[in-house]
Amino acid sequence: ITYQWNQEGRQESPSALASKIVPLIIGGISQLHVEEEL
């Protein structure tokens, strides 16, 4: 995602990029904790 951001000319700030991407990534990470609880 950061490589694509760079290729496309860094049209948005890193914080704007992170605010879109982090929730998607965190959703996957939270699965590790769910599995642990099962």
PDB file of all heavy atoms in Angstrom:
ATOM      1  N   ILE A   1       0.831  -1.209   0.000  1.00  0.00           N
ATOM      2  CA  ILE A   1       0.000   0.000   0.000  1.00  0.00           C
ATOM      3  C   ILE A   1       0.865   1.260   0.000  1.00  0.00           C
ATOM      4  O   ILE A   1       0.545   2.245  -0.661  1.00  0.00           O
ATOM      5  CB  ILE A   1      -1.027  -0.005   1.158  1.00  0.00           C
ATOM      6  CG1 ILE A   1      -2.157   0.997   0.874  1.00  0.00           C
ATOM      7  CG2 ILE A   1      -0.395   0.298   2.486  1.00  0.00           C
ATOM      8  CD1 ILE A   1      -3.056   0.623  -0.249  1.00  0.00           C
ATOM      9  N   THR A   2       1.996   1.225   0.711  1.00  0.00           N
ATOM     10  CA  THR A   2       2.860   2.409   0.725  1.00  0.00           C
ATOM     11  C   THR A   2       3.635   2.541  -0.589  1.00  0.00           C
ATOM     12  O   THR A   2       3.900   3.657  -1.041  1.00  0.00           O
ATOM     13  CB  THR A   2       3.834   2.394   1.922  1.00  0.00           C
ATOM     14  OG1 THR A   2       4.621   1.199   1.890  1.00  0.00           O
ATOM     15  CG2 THR A   2       3.078   2.484   3.239  1.00  0.00           C
ATOM     16  N   TYR A   3       3.978   1.420  -1.198  1.00  0.00           N
ATOM     17  CA  TYR A   3       4.640   1.462  -2.510  1.00  0.00           C
ATOM     18  C   TYR A   3       3.688   2.058  -3.543  1.00  0.00           C
ATOM     19  O   TYR A   3       4.064   2.926  -4.340  1.00  0.00           O
ATOM     20  CB  TYR A   3       5.085   0.057  -2.922  1.00  0.00           C
ATOM     21  CG  TYR A   3       5.762   0.022  -4.269  1.00  0.00           C
ATOM     22  CD1 TYR A   3       7.074   0.463  -4.423  1.00  0.00           C
ATOM     23  CD2 TYR A   3       5.092  -0.438  -5.399  1.00  0.00           C
ATOM     24  CE1 TYR A   3       7.700   0.449  -5.661  1.00  0.00           C
ATOM     25  CE2 TYR A   3       5.707  -0.458  -6.639  1.00  0.00           C
ATOM     26  CZ  TYR A   3       7.013  -0.019  -6.761  1.00  0.00           C
ATOM     27  OH  TYR A   3       7.620  -0.032  -7.993  1.00  0.00           O
ATOM     28  N   GLN A   4       2.434   1.619  -3.522  1.00  0.00           N
ATOM     29  CA  GLN A   4       1.432   2.155  -4.450  1.00  0.00           C
ATOM     30  C   GLN A   4       1.218   3.652  -4.198  1.00  0.00           C
ATOM     31  O   GLN A   4       1.132   4.447  -5.137  1.00  0.00           O
ATOM     32  CB  GLN A   4       0.117   1.395  -4.292  1.00  0.00           C
ATOM     33  CG  GLN A   4      -0.956   1.844  -5.254  1.00  0.00           C
ATOM     34  CD  GLN A   4      -2.243   1.060  -5.072  1.00  0.00           C
ATOM     35  OE1 GLN A   4      -2.380   0.244  -4.164  1.00  0.00           O
ATOM     36  NE2 GLN A   4      -3.195   1.327  -5.934  1.00  0.00           N
ATOM     37  N   TRP A   5       1.155   4.028  -2.927  1.00  0.00           N
ATOM     38  CA  TRP A   5       1.023   5.438  -2.547  1.00  0.00           C
ATOM     39  C   TRP A   5       2.154   6.261  -3.160  1.00  0.00           C
ATOM     40  O   TRP A   5       1.938   7.345  -3.698  1.00  0.00           O
ATOM     41  CB  TRP A   5       1.026   5.525  -1.022  1.00  0.00           C
ATOM     42  CG  TRP A   5       1.170   6.886  -0.415  1.00  0.00           C
ATOM     43  CD1 TRP A   5       0.189   7.809  -0.202  1.00  0.00           C
ATOM     44  CD2 TRP A   5       2.384   7.486   0.091  1.00  0.00           C
ATOM     45  NE1 TRP A   5       0.704   8.932   0.401  1.00  0.00           N
ATOM     46  CE2 TRP A   5       2.043   8.757   0.593  1.00  0.00           C
ATOM     47  CE3 TRP A   5       3.705   7.057   0.174  1.00  0.00           C
ATOM     48  CZ2 TRP A   5       2.980   9.604   1.166  1.00  0.00           C
ATOM     49  CZ3 TRP A   5       4.643   7.904   0.746  1.00  0.00           C
ATOM     50  CH2 TRP A   5       4.281   9.160   1.227  1.00  0.00           C
ATOM     51  N   ASN A   6       3.365   5.738  -3.090  1.00  0.00           N
ATOM     52  CA  ASN A   6       4.527   6.415  -3.649  1.00  0.00           C
ATOM     53  C   ASN A   6       4.441   6.479  -5.174  1.00  0.00           C
ATOM     54  O   ASN A   6       4.684   7.530  -5.767  1.00  0.00           O
ATOM     55  CB  ASN A   6       5.808   5.698  -3.220  1.00  0.00           C
ATOM     56  CG  ASN A   6       7.039   6.440  -3.670  1.00  0.00           C
ATOM     57  OD1 ASN A   6       7.223   7.594  -3.327  1.00  0.00           O
ATOM     58  ND2 ASN A   6       7.866   5.784  -4.452  1.00  0.00           N
ATOM     59  N   GLN A   7       4.077   5.368  -5.799  1.00  0.00           N
ATOM     60  CA  GLN A   7       3.981   5.309  -7.258  1.00  0.00           C
ATOM     61  C   GLN A   7       2.957   6.298  -7.799  1.00  0.00           C
ATOM     62  O   GLN A   7       3.128   6.845  -8.884  1.00  0.00           O
ATOM     63  CB  GLN A   7       3.578   3.898  -7.712  1.00  0.00           C
ATOM     64  CG  GLN A   7       4.654   2.852  -7.560  1.00  0.00           C
ATOM     65  CD  GLN A   7       5.735   3.019  -8.595  1.00  0.00           C
ATOM     66  OE1 GLN A   7       6.758   3.644  -8.335  1.00  0.00           O
ATOM     67  NE2 GLN A   7       5.520   2.486  -9.764  1.00  0.00           N
ATOM     68  N   GLU A   8       1.892   6.496  -7.042  1.00  0.00           N
ATOM     69  CA  GLU A   8       0.819   7.382  -7.487  1.00  0.00           C
ATOM     70  C   GLU A   8       1.083   8.844  -7.130  1.00  0.00           C
ATOM     71  O   GLU A   8       0.203   9.685  -7.234  1.00  0.00           O
ATOM     72  CB  GLU A   8      -0.516   6.908  -6.900  1.00  0.00           C
ATOM     73  CG  GLU A   8      -0.948   5.575  -7.472  1.00  0.00           C
ATOM     74  CD  GLU A   8      -2.175   4.992  -6.805  1.00  0.00           C
ATOM     75  OE1 GLU A   8      -2.633   5.523  -5.767  1.00  0.00           O
ATOM     76  OE2 GLU A   8      -2.668   3.971  -7.326  1.00  0.00           O
ATOM     77  N   GLY A   9       2.292   9.121  -6.686  1.00  0.00           N
ATOM     78  CA  GLY A   9       2.693  10.505  -6.460  1.00  0.00           C
ATOM     79  C   GLY A   9       2.417  11.048  -5.081  1.00  0.00           C
ATOM     80  O   GLY A   9       2.409  12.267  -4.887  1.00  0.00           O
ATOM     81  N   ARG A  10       2.171  10.170  -4.090  1.00  0.00           N
ATOM     82  CA  ARG A  10       1.988  10.587  -2.707  1.00  0.00           C
ATOM     83  C   ARG A  10       0.952  11.712  -2.615  1.00  0.00           C
ATOM     84  O   ARG A  10       1.206  12.770  -2.054  1.00  0.00           O
ATOM     85  CB  ARG A  10       3.332  11.013  -2.102  1.00  0.00           C
ATOM     86  CG  ARG A  10       4.363   9.915  -2.152  1.00  0.00           C
ATOM     87  CD  ARG A  10       5.725  10.311  -1.664  1.00  0.00           C
ATOM     88  NE  ARG A  10       6.314  11.467  -2.297  1.00  0.00           N
ATOM     89  CZ  ARG A  10       6.906  11.472  -3.490  1.00  0.00           C
ATOM     90  NH1 ARG A  10       6.987  10.362  -4.172  1.00  0.00           N
ATOM     91  NH2 ARG A  10       7.421  12.570  -3.987  1.00  0.00           N
ATOM     92  N   GLN A  11      -0.230  11.465  -3.201  1.00  0.00           N
ATOM     93  CA  GLN A  11      -1.265  12.492  -3.300  1.00  0.00           C
ATOM     94  C   GLN A  11      -1.985  12.778  -1.989  1.00  0.00           C
ATOM     95  O   GLN A  11      -2.681  13.777  -1.872  1.00  0.00           O
ATOM     96  CB  GLN A  11      -2.264  12.109  -4.389  1.00  0.00           C
ATOM     97  CG  GLN A  11      -1.606  12.081  -5.749  1.00  0.00           C
ATOM     98  CD  GLN A  11      -2.541  11.636  -6.850  1.00  0.00           C
ATOM     99  OE1 GLN A  11      -3.735  11.518  -6.645  1.00  0.00           O
ATOM    100  NE2 GLN A  11      -1.985  11.393  -8.016  1.00  0.00           N
ATOM    101  N   GLU A  12      -1.865  11.880  -1.018  1.00  0.00           N
ATOM    102  CA  GLU A  12      -2.458  12.145   0.287  1.00  0.00           C
ATOM    103  C   GLU A  12      -1.375  12.029   1.338  1.00  0.00           C
ATOM    104  O   GLU A  12      -0.332  11.433   1.105  1.00  0.00           O
ATOM    105  CB  GLU A  12      -3.618  11.189   0.577  1.00  0.00           C
ATOM    106  CG  GLU A  12      -3.239   9.722   0.577  1.00  0.00           C
ATOM    107  CD  GLU A  12      -4.444   8.806   0.668  1.00  0.00           C
ATOM    108  OE1 GLU A  12      -5.502   9.229   1.150  1.00  0.00           O
ATOM    109  OE2 GLU A  12      -4.317   7.656   0.255  1.00  0.00           O
ATOM    110  N   SER A  13      -1.622  12.583   2.490  1.00  0.00           N
ATOM    111  CA  SER A  13      -0.626  12.541   3.561  1.00  0.00           C
ATOM    112  C   SER A  13      -0.512  11.119   4.103  1.00  0.00           C
ATOM    113  O   SER A  13      -1.461  10.331   4.000  1.00  0.00           O
ATOM    114  CB  SER A  13      -1.027  13.489   4.687  1.00  0.00           C
ATOM    115  OG  SER A  13      -2.168  12.973   5.355  1.00  0.00           O
ATOM    116  N   PRO A  14       0.638  10.778   4.697  1.00  0.00           N
ATOM    117  CA  PRO A  14       0.764   9.467   5.330  1.00  0.00           C
ATOM    118  C   PRO A  14      -0.314   9.233   6.389  1.00  0.00           C
ATOM    119  O   PRO A  14      -0.815   8.120   6.525  1.00  0.00           O
ATOM    120  CB  PRO A  14       2.164   9.510   5.957  1.00  0.00           C
ATOM    121  CG  PRO A  14       2.926  10.432   5.068  1.00  0.00           C
ATOM    122  CD  PRO A  14       1.935  11.489   4.676  1.00  0.00           C
ATOM    123  N   SER A  15      -0.714  10.279   7.120  1.00  0.00           N
ATOM    124  CA  SER A  15      -1.746  10.095   8.152  1.00  0.00           C
ATOM    125  C   SER A  15      -3.102   9.790   7.522  1.00  0.00           C
ATOM    126  O   SER A  15      -3.862   8.972   8.046  1.00  0.00           O
ATOM    127  CB  SER A  15      -1.831  11.306   9.082  1.00  0.00           C
ATOM    128  OG  SER A  15      -2.140  12.466   8.359  1.00  0.00           O
ATOM    129  N   ALA A  16      -3.411  10.412   6.366  1.00  0.00           N
ATOM    130  CA  ALA A  16      -4.670  10.108   5.677  1.00  0.00           C
ATOM    131  C   ALA A  16      -4.657   8.673   5.161  1.00  0.00           C
ATOM    132  O   ALA A  16      -5.654   7.952   5.268  1.00  0.00           O
ATOM    133  CB  ALA A  16      -4.898  11.088   4.529  1.00  0.00           C
ATOM    134  N   LEU A  17      -3.523   8.261   4.632  1.00  0.00           N
ATOM    135  CA  LEU A  17      -3.379   6.880   4.153  1.00  0.00           C
ATOM    136  C   LEU A  17      -3.556   5.904   5.314  1.00  0.00           C
ATOM    137  O   LEU A  17      -4.326   4.943   5.222  1.00  0.00           O
ATOM    138  CB  LEU A  17      -1.998   6.693   3.511  1.00  0.00           C
ATOM    139  CG  LEU A  17      -1.684   5.287   3.007  1.00  0.00           C
ATOM    140  CD1 LEU A  17      -2.542   4.941   1.796  1.00  0.00           C
ATOM    141  CD2 LEU A  17      -0.194   5.187   2.650  1.00  0.00           C
ATOM    142  N   ALA A  18      -2.864   6.162   6.415  1.00  0.00           N
ATOM    143  CA  ALA A  18      -2.935   5.275   7.579  1.00  0.00           C
ATOM    144  C   ALA A  18      -4.349   5.190   8.137  1.00  0.00           C
ATOM    145  O   ALA A  18      -4.803   4.117   8.522  1.00  0.00           O
ATOM    146  CB  ALA A  18      -1.956   5.736   8.655  1.00  0.00           C
ATOM    147  N   SER A  19      -5.055   6.323   8.153  1.00  0.00           N
ATOM    148  CA  SER A  19      -6.412   6.308   8.728  1.00  0.00           C
ATOM    149  C   SER A  19      -7.351   5.412   7.928  1.00  0.00           C
ATOM    150  O   SER A  19      -8.291   4.843   8.474  1.00  0.00           O
ATOM    151  CB  SER A  19      -6.978   7.723   8.835  1.00  0.00           C
ATOM    152  OG  SER A  19      -7.220   8.256   7.549  1.00  0.00           O
ATOM    153  N   LYS A  20      -7.084   5.240   6.641  1.00  0.00           N
ATOM    154  CA  LYS A  20      -7.901   4.341   5.808  1.00  0.00           C
ATOM    155  C   LYS A  20      -7.486   2.879   5.953  1.00  0.00           C
ATOM    156  O   LYS A  20      -8.310   1.988   5.922  1.00  0.00           O
ATOM    157  CB  LYS A  20      -7.762   4.725   4.328  1.00  0.00           C
ATOM    158  CG  LYS A  20      -8.469   5.967   3.930  1.00  0.00           C
ATOM    159  CD  LYS A  20      -8.434   6.069   2.418  1.00  0.00           C
ATOM    160  CE  LYS A  20      -7.991   7.437   2.004  1.00  0.00           C
ATOM    161  NZ  LYS A  20      -7.743   7.552   0.575  1.00  0.00           N
ATOM    162  N   ILE A  21      -6.185   2.661   6.082  1.00  0.00           N
ATOM    163  CA  ILE A  21      -5.634   1.306   6.026  1.00  0.00           C
ATOM    164  C   ILE A  21      -5.597   0.611   7.381  1.00  0.00           C
ATOM    165  O   ILE A  21      -5.872  -0.581   7.485  1.00  0.00           O
ATOM    166  CB  ILE A  21      -4.214   1.341   5.408  1.00  0.00           C
ATOM    167  CG1 ILE A  21      -4.249   1.959   4.018  1.00  0.00           C
ATOM    168  CG2 ILE A  21      -3.584  -0.038   5.371  1.00  0.00           C
ATOM    169  CD1 ILE A  21      -5.250   1.345   3.066  1.00  0.00           C
ATOM    170  N   VAL A  22      -5.264   1.340   8.435  1.00  0.00           N
ATOM    171  CA  VAL A  22      -5.104   0.720   9.754  1.00  0.00           C
ATOM    172  C   VAL A  22      -6.344  -0.060  10.196  1.00  0.00           C
ATOM    173  O   VAL A  22      -6.214  -1.199  10.657  1.00  0.00           O
ATOM    174  CB  VAL A  22      -4.665   1.755  10.816  1.00  0.00           C
ATOM    175  CG1 VAL A  22      -4.732   1.175  12.221  1.00  0.00           C
ATOM    176  CG2 VAL A  22      -3.252   2.241  10.518  1.00  0.00           C
ATOM    177  N   PRO A  23      -7.568   0.469  10.059  1.00  0.00           N
ATOM    178  CA  PRO A  23      -8.739  -0.312  10.489  1.00  0.00           C
ATOM    179  C   PRO A  23      -8.864  -1.661   9.754  1.00  0.00           C
ATOM    180  O   PRO A  23      -9.254  -2.656  10.354  1.00  0.00           O
ATOM    181  CB  PRO A  23      -9.929   0.596  10.155  1.00  0.00           C
ATOM    182  CG  PRO A  23      -9.356   1.973  10.149  1.00  0.00           C
ATOM    183  CD  PRO A  23      -7.957   1.828   9.631  1.00  0.00           C
ATOM    184  N   LEU A  24      -8.490  -1.683   8.479  1.00  0.00           N
ATOM    185  CA  LEU A  24      -8.550  -2.935   7.719  1.00  0.00           C
ATOM    186  C   LEU A  24      -7.539  -3.947   8.250  1.00  0.00           C
ATOM    187  O   LEU A  24      -7.832  -5.133   8.392  1.00  0.00           O
ATOM    188  CB  LEU A  24      -8.275  -2.665   6.237  1.00  0.00           C
ATOM    189  CG  LEU A  24      -9.238  -1.724   5.525  1.00  0.00           C
ATOM    190  CD1 LEU A  24      -8.741  -1.411   4.119  1.00  0.00           C
ATOM    191  CD2 LEU A  24     -10.633  -2.325   5.478  1.00  0.00           C
ATOM    192  N   ILE A  25      -6.355  -3.443   8.553  1.00  0.00           N
ATOM    193  CA  ILE A  25      -5.295  -4.319   9.058  1.00  0.00           C
ATOM    194  C   ILE A  25      -5.606  -4.796  10.472  1.00  0.00           C
ATOM    195  O   ILE A  25      -5.451  -5.974  10.789  1.00  0.00           O
ATOM    196  CB  ILE A  25      -3.932  -3.596   8.998  1.00  0.00           C
ATOM    197  CG1 ILE A  25      -3.531  -3.402   7.529  1.00  0.00           C
ATOM    198  CG2 ILE A  25      -2.862  -4.368   9.752  1.00  0.00           C
ATOM    199  CD1 ILE A  25      -2.291  -2.570   7.330  1.00  0.00           C
ATOM    200  N   ILE A  26      -6.065  -3.894  11.315  1.00  0.00           N
ATOM    201  CA  ILE A  26      -6.351  -4.240  12.712  1.00  0.00           C
ATOM    202  C   ILE A  26      -7.450  -5.300  12.790  1.00  0.00           C
ATOM    203  O   ILE A  26      -7.429  -6.171  13.657  1.00  0.00           O
ATOM    204  CB  ILE A  26      -6.728  -2.980  13.525  1.00  0.00           C
ATOM    205  CG1 ILE A  26      -5.477  -2.094  13.693  1.00  0.00           C
ATOM    206  CG2 ILE A  26      -7.319  -3.322  14.871  1.00  0.00           C
ATOM    207  CD1 ILE A  26      -4.317  -2.756  14.411  1.00  0.00           C
ATOM    208  N   GLY A  27      -8.394  -5.255  11.866  1.00  0.00           N
ATOM    209  CA  GLY A  27      -9.440  -6.290  11.836  1.00  0.00           C
ATOM    210  C   GLY A  27      -8.841  -7.682  11.719  1.00  0.00           C
ATOM    211  O   GLY A  27      -9.282  -8.627  12.377  1.00  0.00           O
ATOM    212  N   GLY A  28      -7.810  -7.819  10.902  1.00  0.00           N
ATOM    213  CA  GLY A  28      -7.145  -9.115  10.751  1.00  0.00           C
ATOM    214  C   GLY A  28      -6.334  -9.499  11.972  1.00  0.00           C
ATOM    215  O   GLY A  28      -6.334 -10.652  12.405  1.00  0.00           O
ATOM    216  N   ILE A  29      -5.650  -8.529  12.563  1.00  0.00           N
ATOM    217  CA  ILE A  29      -4.830  -8.800  13.752  1.00  0.00           C
ATOM    218  C   ILE A  29      -5.715  -9.241  14.916  1.00  0.00           C
ATOM    219  O   ILE A  29      -5.354 -10.132  15.679  1.00  0.00           O
ATOM    220  CB  ILE A  29      -4.008  -7.559  14.160  1.00  0.00           C
ATOM    221  CG1 ILE A  29      -2.980  -7.235  13.093  1.00  0.00           C
ATOM    222  CG2 ILE A  29      -3.316  -7.770  15.500  1.00  0.00           C
ATOM    223  CD1 ILE A  29      -2.264  -5.920  13.306  1.00  0.00           C
ATOM    224  N   SER A  30      -6.895  -8.643  15.036  1.00  0.00           N
ATOM    225  CA  SER A  30      -7.774  -8.987  16.156  1.00  0.00           C
ATOM    226  C   SER A  30      -8.196 -10.454  16.104  1.00  0.00           C
ATOM    227  O   SER A  30      -8.513 -11.044  17.123  1.00  0.00           O
ATOM    228  CB  SER A  30      -8.999  -8.072  16.184  1.00  0.00           C
ATOM    229  OG  SER A  30      -9.781  -8.266  15.016  1.00  0.00           O
ATOM    230  N   GLN A  31      -8.140 -11.062  14.922  1.00  0.00           N
ATOM    231  CA  GLN A  31      -8.469 -12.491  14.796  1.00  0.00           C
ATOM    232  C   GLN A  31      -7.491 -13.358  15.591  1.00  0.00           C
ATOM    233  O   GLN A  31      -7.858 -14.413  16.082  1.00  0.00           O
ATOM    234  CB  GLN A  31      -8.462 -12.919  13.327  1.00  0.00           C
ATOM    235  CG  GLN A  31      -9.676 -12.466  12.551  1.00  0.00           C
ATOM    236  CD  GLN A  31     -10.970 -12.993  13.171  1.00  0.00           C
ATOM    237  OE1 GLN A  31     -11.748 -12.225  13.721  1.00  0.00           O
ATOM    238  NE2 GLN A  31     -11.175 -14.279  13.123  1.00  0.00           N
ATOM    239  N   LEU A  32      -6.251 -12.920  15.710  1.00  0.00           N
ATOM    240  CA  LEU A  32      -5.281 -13.682  16.495  1.00  0.00           C
ATOM    241  C   LEU A  32      -5.743 -13.795  17.944  1.00  0.00           C
ATOM    242  O   LEU A  32      -5.600 -14.836  18.575  1.00  0.00           O
ATOM    243  CB  LEU A  32      -3.897 -13.008  16.457  1.00  0.00           C
ATOM    244  CG  LEU A  32      -3.105 -13.134  15.162  1.00  0.00           C
ATOM    245  CD1 LEU A  32      -1.862 -12.255  15.238  1.00  0.00           C
ATOM    246  CD2 LEU A  32      -2.737 -14.568  14.887  1.00  0.00           C
ATOM    247  N   HIS A  33      -6.311 -12.736  18.475  1.00  0.00           N
ATOM    248  CA  HIS A  33      -6.782 -12.728  19.870  1.00  0.00           C
ATOM    249  C   HIS A  33      -8.048 -13.548  20.002  1.00  0.00           C
ATOM    250  O   HIS A  33      -8.245 -14.230  21.022  1.00  0.00           O
ATOM    251  CB  HIS A  33      -6.992 -11.304  20.361  1.00  0.00           C
ATOM    252  CG  HIS A  33      -5.755 -10.473  20.270  1.00  0.00           C
ATOM    253  ND1 HIS A  33      -4.624 -10.754  20.990  1.00  0.00           N
ATOM    254  CD2 HIS A  33      -5.455  -9.394  19.507  1.00  0.00           C
ATOM    255  CE1 HIS A  33      -3.683  -9.872  20.694  1.00  0.00           C
ATOM    256  NE2 HIS A  33      -4.160  -9.038  19.789  1.00  0.00           N
ATOM    257  N   VAL A  34      -8.921 -13.501  19.003  1.00  0.00           N
ATOM    258  CA  VAL A  34     -10.162 -14.282  19.051  1.00  0.00           C
ATOM    259  C   VAL A  34      -9.827 -15.768  19.083  1.00  0.00           C
ATOM    260  O   VAL A  34     -10.368 -16.531  19.879  1.00  0.00           O
ATOM    261  CB  VAL A  34     -11.066 -13.953  17.837  1.00  0.00           C
ATOM    262  CG1 VAL A  34     -12.228 -14.925  17.735  1.00  0.00           C
ATOM    263  CG2 VAL A  34     -11.569 -12.513  17.931  1.00  0.00           C
ATOM    264  N   GLU A  35      -8.896 -16.196  18.216  1.00  0.00           N
ATOM    265  CA  GLU A  35      -8.499 -17.598  18.181  1.00  0.00           C
ATOM    266  C   GLU A  35      -7.907 -18.024  19.505  1.00  0.00           C
ATOM    267  O   GLU A  35      -8.116 -19.135  19.966  1.00  0.00           O
ATOM    268  CB  GLU A  35      -7.465 -17.834  17.061  1.00  0.00           C
ATOM    269  CG  GLU A  35      -8.062 -17.736  15.678  1.00  0.00           C
ATOM    270  CD  GLU A  35      -7.002 -17.789  14.599  1.00  0.00           C
ATOM    271  OE1 GLU A  35      -5.835 -18.128  14.908  1.00  0.00           O
ATOM    272  OE2 GLU A  35      -7.323 -17.486  13.443  1.00  0.00           O
ATOM    273  N   GLU A  36      -7.138 -17.145  20.139  1.00  0.00           N
ATOM    274  CA  GLU A  36      -6.507 -17.452  21.409  1.00  0.00           C
ATOM    275  C   GLU A  36      -7.556 -17.707  22.490  1.00  0.00           C
ATOM    276  O   GLU A  36      -7.403 -18.561  23.354  1.00  0.00           O
ATOM    277  CB  GLU A  36      -5.580 -16.292  21.827  1.00  0.00           C
ATOM    278  CG  GLU A  36      -4.740 -16.623  23.010  1.00  0.00           C
ATOM    279  CD  GLU A  36      -3.275 -16.578  22.668  1.00  0.00           C
ATOM    280  OE1 GLU A  36      -2.864 -17.122  21.634  1.00  0.00           O
ATOM    281  OE2 GLU A  36      -2.538 -16.002  23.458  1.00  0.00           O
ATOM    282  N   GLU A  37      -8.646 -16.954  22.437  1.00  0.00           N
ATOM    283  CA  GLU A  37      -9.693 -17.080  23.457  1.00  0.00           C
ATOM    284  C   GLU A  37     -10.521 -18.361  23.281  1.00  0.00           C
ATOM    285  O   GLU A  37     -11.114 -18.858  24.198  1.00  0.00           O
ATOM    286  CB  GLU A  37     -10.612 -15.852  23.399  1.00  0.00           C
ATOM    287  CG  GLU A  37      -9.917 -14.589  23.877  1.00  0.00           C
ATOM    288  CD  GLU A  37     -10.700 -13.329  23.532  1.00  0.00           C
ATOM    289  OE1 GLU A  37     -11.852 -13.450  23.052  1.00  0.00           O
ATOM    290  OE2 GLU A  37     -10.152 -12.230  23.720  1.00  0.00           O
ATOM    291  N   LEU A  38     -10.562 -18.876  22.034  1.00  0.00           N
ATOM    292  CA  LEU A  38     -11.377 -20.074  21.773  1.00  0.00           C
ATOM    293  C   LEU A  38     -10.802 -21.339  22.350  1.00  0.00           C
ATOM    294  O   LEU A  38      -9.830 -21.650  22.648  1.00  0.00           O
ATOM    295  CB  LEU A  38     -11.570 -20.255  20.252  1.00  0.00           C
ATOM    296  CG  LEU A  38     -12.362 -19.145  19.574  1.00  0.00           C
ATOM    297  CD1 LEU A  38     -12.423 -19.425  18.075  1.00  0.00           C
ATOM    298  CD2 LEU A  38     -13.756 -19.050  20.119  1.00  0.00           C
TER     299      LEU A  38
END
